[in-house]
Amino acid sequence: MTKWSGYYAAGAAIGFSPRQIDEMSLWEFGAVIDGYKRANGVEEAPPVMDDDRLSELGIVGF
């Protein structure tokens, strides 16, 4: 089940009304989000480190 509240929240953060979001296809909305992130210097989250790598770095207690 899709949680539409997440789409509305992201759209509102960009400045779209719920009606404007409803009028977009999911492809269009995805393109808007990608463009917004690129224009505002938002980077993707780094990959998660596995437990062995964390241990090599001396990080314990995870």
PDB file of N, CA and C in Angstrom:
ATOM      1  N   MET A   1       0.841  -1.177   0.000  1.00  0.00           N
ATOM      2  CA  MET A   1       0.000   0.000   0.000  1.00  0.00           C
ATOM      3  C   MET A   1       0.895   1.252   0.000  1.00  0.00           C
ATOM      4  N   THR A   2       0.582   2.184  -0.831  1.00  0.00           N
ATOM      5  CA  THR A   2       1.354   3.420  -0.948  1.00  0.00           C
ATOM      6  C   THR A   2       0.894   4.422   0.089  1.00  0.00           C
ATOM      7  N   LYS A   3       1.851   5.033   0.774  1.00  0.00           N
ATOM      8  CA  LYS A   3       1.527   6.101   1.733  1.00  0.00           C
ATOM      9  C   LYS A   3       1.627   7.429   0.992  1.00  0.00           C
ATOM     10  N   TRP A   4       0.505   7.935   0.551  1.00  0.00           N
ATOM     11  CA  TRP A   4       0.484   9.166  -0.231  1.00  0.00           C
ATOM     12  C   TRP A   4       0.911  10.370   0.585  1.00  0.00           C
ATOM     13  N   SER A   5       0.832  10.276   1.896  1.00  0.00           N
ATOM     14  CA  SER A   5       1.227  11.416   2.724  1.00  0.00           C
ATOM     15  C   SER A   5       2.690  11.788   2.493  1.00  0.00           C
ATOM     16  N   GLY A   6       3.527  10.805   2.191  1.00  0.00           N
ATOM     17  CA  GLY A   6       4.932  11.084   1.909  1.00  0.00           C
ATOM     18  C   GLY A   6       5.106  11.908   0.645  1.00  0.00           C
ATOM     19  N   TYR A   7       4.299  11.611  -0.373  1.00  0.00           N
ATOM     20  CA  TYR A   7       4.343  12.391  -1.617  1.00  0.00           C
ATOM     21  C   TYR A   7       3.875  13.820  -1.367  1.00  0.00           C
ATOM     22  N   TYR A   8       2.790  13.953  -0.614  1.00  0.00           N
ATOM     23  CA  TYR A   8       2.270  15.299  -0.317  1.00  0.00           C
ATOM     24  C   TYR A   8       3.264  16.098   0.523  1.00  0.00           C
ATOM     25  N   ALA A   9       3.902  15.441   1.483  1.00  0.00           N
ATOM     26  CA  ALA A   9       4.883  16.139   2.325  1.00  0.00           C
ATOM     27  C   ALA A   9       6.075  16.606   1.506  1.00  0.00           C
ATOM     28  N   ALA A  10       6.590  15.731   0.639  1.00  0.00           N
ATOM     29  CA  ALA A  10       7.726  16.119  -0.210  1.00  0.00           C
ATOM     30  C   ALA A  10       7.331  17.238  -1.158  1.00  0.00           C
ATOM     31  N   GLY A  11       6.152  17.129  -1.746  1.00  0.00           N
ATOM     32  CA  GLY A  11       5.684  18.171  -2.654  1.00  0.00           C
ATOM     33  C   GLY A  11       5.484  19.498  -1.960  1.00  0.00           C
ATOM     34  N   ALA A  12       4.956  19.454  -0.743  1.00  0.00           N
ATOM     35  CA  ALA A  12       4.743  20.687   0.022  1.00  0.00           C
ATOM     36  C   ALA A  12       6.073  21.344   0.368  1.00  0.00           C
ATOM     37  N   ALA A  13       7.086  20.535   0.671  1.00  0.00           N
ATOM     38  CA  ALA A  13       8.408  21.086   0.980  1.00  0.00           C
ATOM     39  C   ALA A  13       8.991  21.827  -0.222  1.00  0.00           C
ATOM     40  N   ILE A  14       8.628  21.381  -1.417  1.00  0.00           N
ATOM     41  CA  ILE A  14       9.103  22.029  -2.635  1.00  0.00           C
ATOM     42  C   ILE A  14       8.249  23.248  -2.979  1.00  0.00           C
ATOM     43  N   GLY A  15       6.994  23.248  -2.512  1.00  0.00           N
ATOM     44  CA  GLY A  15       6.128  24.385  -2.774  1.00  0.00           C
ATOM     45  C   GLY A  15       4.886  24.064  -3.591  1.00  0.00           C
ATOM     46  N   PHE A  16       4.609  22.770  -3.795  1.00  0.00           N
ATOM     47  CA  PHE A  16       3.428  22.367  -4.545  1.00  0.00           C
ATOM     48  C   PHE A  16       2.230  22.188  -3.628  1.00  0.00           C
ATOM     49  N   SER A  17       1.054  22.477  -4.148  1.00  0.00           N
ATOM     50  CA  SER A  17      -0.188  22.217  -3.414  1.00  0.00           C
ATOM     51  C   SER A  17      -0.578  20.757  -3.623  1.00  0.00           C
ATOM     52  N   PRO A  18      -1.425  20.208  -2.757  1.00  0.00           N
ATOM     53  CA  PRO A  18      -1.890  18.832  -2.978  1.00  0.00           C
ATOM     54  C   PRO A  18      -2.544  18.660  -4.351  1.00  0.00           C
ATOM     55  N   ARG A  19      -3.267  19.643  -4.833  1.00  0.00           N
ATOM     56  CA  ARG A  19      -3.920  19.562  -6.140  1.00  0.00           C
ATOM     57  C   ARG A  19      -2.870  19.444  -7.252  1.00  0.00           C
ATOM     58  N   GLN A  20      -1.802  20.210  -7.162  1.00  0.00           N
ATOM     59  CA  GLN A  20      -0.744  20.129  -8.171  1.00  0.00           C
ATOM     60  C   GLN A  20      -0.081  18.754  -8.166  1.00  0.00           C
ATOM     61  N   ILE A  21       0.096  18.196  -6.996  1.00  0.00           N
ATOM     62  CA  ILE A  21       0.692  16.868  -6.890  1.00  0.00           C
ATOM     63  C   ILE A  21      -0.238  15.824  -7.491  1.00  0.00           C
ATOM     64  N   ASP A  22      -1.542  15.955  -7.215  1.00  0.00           N
ATOM     65  CA  ASP A  22      -2.524  15.022  -7.782  1.00  0.00           C
ATOM     66  C   ASP A  22      -2.516  15.037  -9.299  1.00  0.00           C
ATOM     67  N   GLU A  23      -2.219  16.181  -9.889  1.00  0.00           N
ATOM     68  CA  GLU A  23      -2.242  16.314 -11.341  1.00  0.00           C
ATOM     69  C   GLU A  23      -0.982  15.769 -12.015  1.00  0.00           C
ATOM     70  N   MET A  24       0.051  15.435 -11.226  1.00  0.00           N
ATOM     71  CA  MET A  24       1.297  14.894 -11.788  1.00  0.00           C
ATOM     72  C   MET A  24       1.221  13.377 -11.856  1.00  0.00           C
ATOM     73  N   SER A  25       1.893  12.815 -12.866  1.00  0.00           N
ATOM     74  CA  SER A  25       2.103  11.363 -12.874  1.00  0.00           C
ATOM     75  C   SER A  25       3.236  11.067 -11.890  1.00  0.00           C
ATOM     76  N   LEU A  26       3.377   9.806 -11.519  1.00  0.00           N
ATOM     77  CA  LEU A  26       4.485   9.454 -10.626  1.00  0.00           C
ATOM     78  C   LEU A  26       5.825   9.718 -11.296  1.00  0.00           C
ATOM     79  N   TRP A  27       5.901   9.523 -12.619  1.00  0.00           N
ATOM     80  CA  TRP A  27       7.124   9.814 -13.360  1.00  0.00           C
ATOM     81  C   TRP A  27       7.456  11.298 -13.259  1.00  0.00           C
ATOM     82  N   GLU A  28       6.464  12.155 -13.457  1.00  0.00           N
ATOM     83  CA  GLU A  28       6.694  13.606 -13.371  1.00  0.00           C
ATOM     84  C   GLU A  28       7.124  14.003 -11.967  1.00  0.00           C
ATOM     85  N   PHE A  29       6.453  13.442 -10.971  1.00  0.00           N
ATOM     86  CA  PHE A  29       6.796  13.768  -9.590  1.00  0.00           C
ATOM     87  C   PHE A  29       8.225  13.346  -9.273  1.00  0.00           C
ATOM     88  N   GLY A  30       8.615  12.147  -9.727  1.00  0.00           N
ATOM     89  CA  GLY A  30       9.983  11.676  -9.518  1.00  0.00           C
ATOM     90  C   GLY A  30      11.000  12.599 -10.166  1.00  0.00           C
ATOM     91  N   ALA A  31      10.678  13.095 -11.367  1.00  0.00           N
ATOM     92  CA  ALA A  31      11.580  14.019 -12.052  1.00  0.00           C
ATOM     93  C   ALA A  31      11.699  15.332 -11.285  1.00  0.00           C
ATOM     94  N   VAL A  32      10.594  15.800 -10.734  1.00  0.00           N
ATOM     95  CA  VAL A  32      10.603  17.033  -9.928  1.00  0.00           C
ATOM     96  C   VAL A  32      11.504  16.846  -8.707  1.00  0.00           C
ATOM     97  N   ILE A  33      11.353  15.738  -8.020  1.00  0.00           N
ATOM     98  CA  ILE A  33      12.159  15.470  -6.820  1.00  0.00           C
ATOM     99  C   ILE A  33      13.644  15.397  -7.188  1.00  0.00           C
ATOM    100  N   ASP A  34      13.961  14.664  -8.267  1.00  0.00           N
ATOM    101  CA  ASP A  34      15.364  14.564  -8.701  1.00  0.00           C
ATOM    102  C   ASP A  34      15.942  15.935  -9.035  1.00  0.00           C
ATOM    103  N   GLY A  35      15.188  16.738  -9.759  1.00  0.00           N
ATOM    104  CA  GLY A  35      15.652  18.078 -10.120  1.00  0.00           C
ATOM    105  C   GLY A  35      15.832  18.967  -8.901  1.00  0.00           C
ATOM    106  N   TYR A  36      14.918  18.893  -7.966  1.00  0.00           N
ATOM    107  CA  TYR A  36      15.018  19.687  -6.737  1.00  0.00           C
ATOM    108  C   TYR A  36      16.263  19.297  -5.950  1.00  0.00           C
ATOM    109  N   LYS A  37      16.494  17.995  -5.827  1.00  0.00           N
ATOM    110  CA  LYS A  37      17.667  17.525  -5.081  1.00  0.00           C
ATOM    111  C   LYS A  37      18.954  17.981  -5.751  1.00  0.00           C
ATOM    112  N   ARG A  38      19.021  17.875  -7.081  1.00  0.00           N
ATOM    113  CA  ARG A  38      20.211  18.305  -7.807  1.00  0.00           C
ATOM    114  C   ARG A  38      20.437  19.806  -7.660  1.00  0.00           C
ATOM    115  N   ALA A  39      19.364  20.588  -7.764  1.00  0.00           N
ATOM    116  CA  ALA A  39      19.485  22.043  -7.693  1.00  0.00           C
ATOM    117  C   ALA A  39      19.877  22.529  -6.302  1.00  0.00           C
ATOM    118  N   ASN A  40      19.568  21.725  -5.280  1.00  0.00           N
ATOM    119  CA  ASN A  40      19.831  22.142  -3.909  1.00  0.00           C
ATOM    120  C   ASN A  40      20.971  21.379  -3.251  1.00  0.00           C
ATOM    121  N   GLY A  41      21.745  20.665  -4.054  1.00  0.00           N
ATOM    122  CA  GLY A  41      22.932  19.995  -3.534  1.00  0.00           C
ATOM    123  C   GLY A  41      22.660  18.848  -2.594  1.00  0.00           C
ATOM    124  N   VAL A  42      21.505  18.223  -2.723  1.00  0.00           N
ATOM    125  CA  VAL A  42      21.182  17.087  -1.861  1.00  0.00           C
ATOM    126  C   VAL A  42      21.827  15.843  -2.449  1.00  0.00           C
ATOM    127  N   GLU A  43      22.589  15.143  -1.628  1.00  0.00           N
ATOM    128  CA  GLU A  43      23.252  13.928  -2.072  1.00  0.00           C
ATOM    129  C   GLU A  43      22.487  12.709  -1.591  1.00  0.00           C
ATOM    130  N   GLU A  44      22.656  11.639  -2.288  1.00  0.00           N
ATOM    131  CA  GLU A  44      22.066  10.380  -1.860  1.00  0.00           C
ATOM    132  C   GLU A  44      22.782   9.902  -0.600  1.00  0.00           C
ATOM    133  N   ALA A  45      22.093   9.135   0.203  1.00  0.00           N
ATOM    134  CA  ALA A  45      22.690   8.595   1.430  1.00  0.00           C
ATOM    135  C   ALA A  45      23.811   7.626   1.055  1.00  0.00           C
ATOM    136  N   PRO A  46      24.909   7.634   1.807  1.00  0.00           N
ATOM    137  CA  PRO A  46      25.993   6.699   1.507  1.00  0.00           C
ATOM    138  C   PRO A  46      25.556   5.269   1.792  1.00  0.00           C
ATOM    139  N   PRO A  47      26.203   4.301   1.167  1.00  0.00           N
ATOM    140  CA  PRO A  47      25.833   2.906   1.428  1.00  0.00           C
ATOM    141  C   PRO A  47      26.132   2.538   2.881  1.00  0.00           C
ATOM    142  N   VAL A  48      25.349   1.615   3.403  1.00  0.00           N
ATOM    143  CA  VAL A  48      25.509   1.169   4.782  1.00  0.00           C
ATOM    144  C   VAL A  48      26.751   0.286   4.879  1.00  0.00           C
ATOM    145  N   MET A  49      27.558   0.512   5.922  1.00  0.00           N
ATOM    146  CA  MET A  49      28.748  -0.314   6.131  1.00  0.00           C
ATOM    147  C   MET A  49      28.348  -1.605   6.832  1.00  0.00           C
ATOM    148  N   ASP A  50      29.008  -2.688   6.448  1.00  0.00           N
ATOM    149  CA  ASP A  50      28.723  -3.947   7.120  1.00  0.00           C
ATOM    150  C   ASP A  50      29.484  -4.020   8.453  1.00  0.00           C
ATOM    151  N   ASP A  51      29.109  -4.974   9.274  1.00  0.00           N
ATOM    152  CA  ASP A  51      29.682  -5.101  10.618  1.00  0.00           C
ATOM    153  C   ASP A  51      31.194  -5.305  10.600  1.00  0.00           C
ATOM    154  N   ASP A  52      31.702  -6.070   9.625  1.00  0.00           N
ATOM    155  CA  ASP A  52      33.145  -6.315   9.554  1.00  0.00           C
ATOM    156  C   ASP A  52      33.906  -5.013   9.317  1.00  0.00           C
ATOM    157  N   ARG A  53      33.417  -4.190   8.421  1.00  0.00           N
ATOM    158  CA  ARG A  53      34.090  -2.913   8.130  1.00  0.00           C
ATOM    159  C   ARG A  53      34.047  -1.992   9.347  1.00  0.00           C
ATOM    160  N   LEU A  54      32.909  -1.967  10.049  1.00  0.00           N
ATOM    161  CA  LEU A  54      32.808  -1.157  11.263  1.00  0.00           C
ATOM    162  C   LEU A  54      33.834  -1.605  12.306  1.00  0.00           C
ATOM    163  N   SER A  55      34.006  -2.915  12.440  1.00  0.00           N
ATOM    164  CA  SER A  55      34.990  -3.455  13.383  1.00  0.00           C
ATOM    165  C   SER A  55      36.403  -3.042  12.999  1.00  0.00           C
ATOM    166  N   GLU A  56      36.710  -3.092  11.677  1.00  0.00           N
ATOM    167  CA  GLU A  56      38.037  -2.674  11.198  1.00  0.00           C
ATOM    168  C   GLU A  56      38.314  -1.216  11.568  1.00  0.00           C
ATOM    169  N   LEU A  57      37.293  -0.400  11.608  1.00  0.00           N
ATOM    170  CA  LEU A  57      37.449   1.011  11.919  1.00  0.00           C
ATOM    171  C   LEU A  57      37.462   1.281  13.423  1.00  0.00           C
ATOM    172  N   GLY A  58      37.286   0.220  14.204  1.00  0.00           N
ATOM    173  CA  GLY A  58      37.318   0.375  15.647  1.00  0.00           C
ATOM    174  C   GLY A  58      35.991   0.802  16.252  1.00  0.00           C
ATOM    175  N   ILE A  59      34.934   0.675  15.481  1.00  0.00           N
ATOM    176  CA  ILE A  59      33.602   1.015  15.983  1.00  0.00           C
ATOM    177  C   ILE A  59      32.995  -0.223  16.578  1.00  0.00           C
ATOM    178  N   VAL A  60      32.697  -0.160  17.881  1.00  0.00           N
ATOM    179  CA  VAL A  60      32.165  -1.317  18.579  1.00  0.00           C
ATOM    180  C   VAL A  60      30.847  -0.979  19.233  1.00  0.00           C
ATOM    181  N   GLY A  61      30.129  -2.029  19.636  1.00  0.00           N
ATOM    182  CA  GLY A  61      28.882  -1.827  20.363  1.00  0.00           C
ATOM    183  C   GLY A  61      27.680  -1.621  19.452  1.00  0.00           C
ATOM    184  N   PHE A  62      27.739  -2.119  18.254  1.00  0.00           N
ATOM    185  CA  PHE A  62      26.615  -1.979  17.329  1.00  0.00           C
ATOM    186  C   PHE A  62      25.787  -3.216  17.274  1.00  0.00           C
TER     187      PHE A  62
END
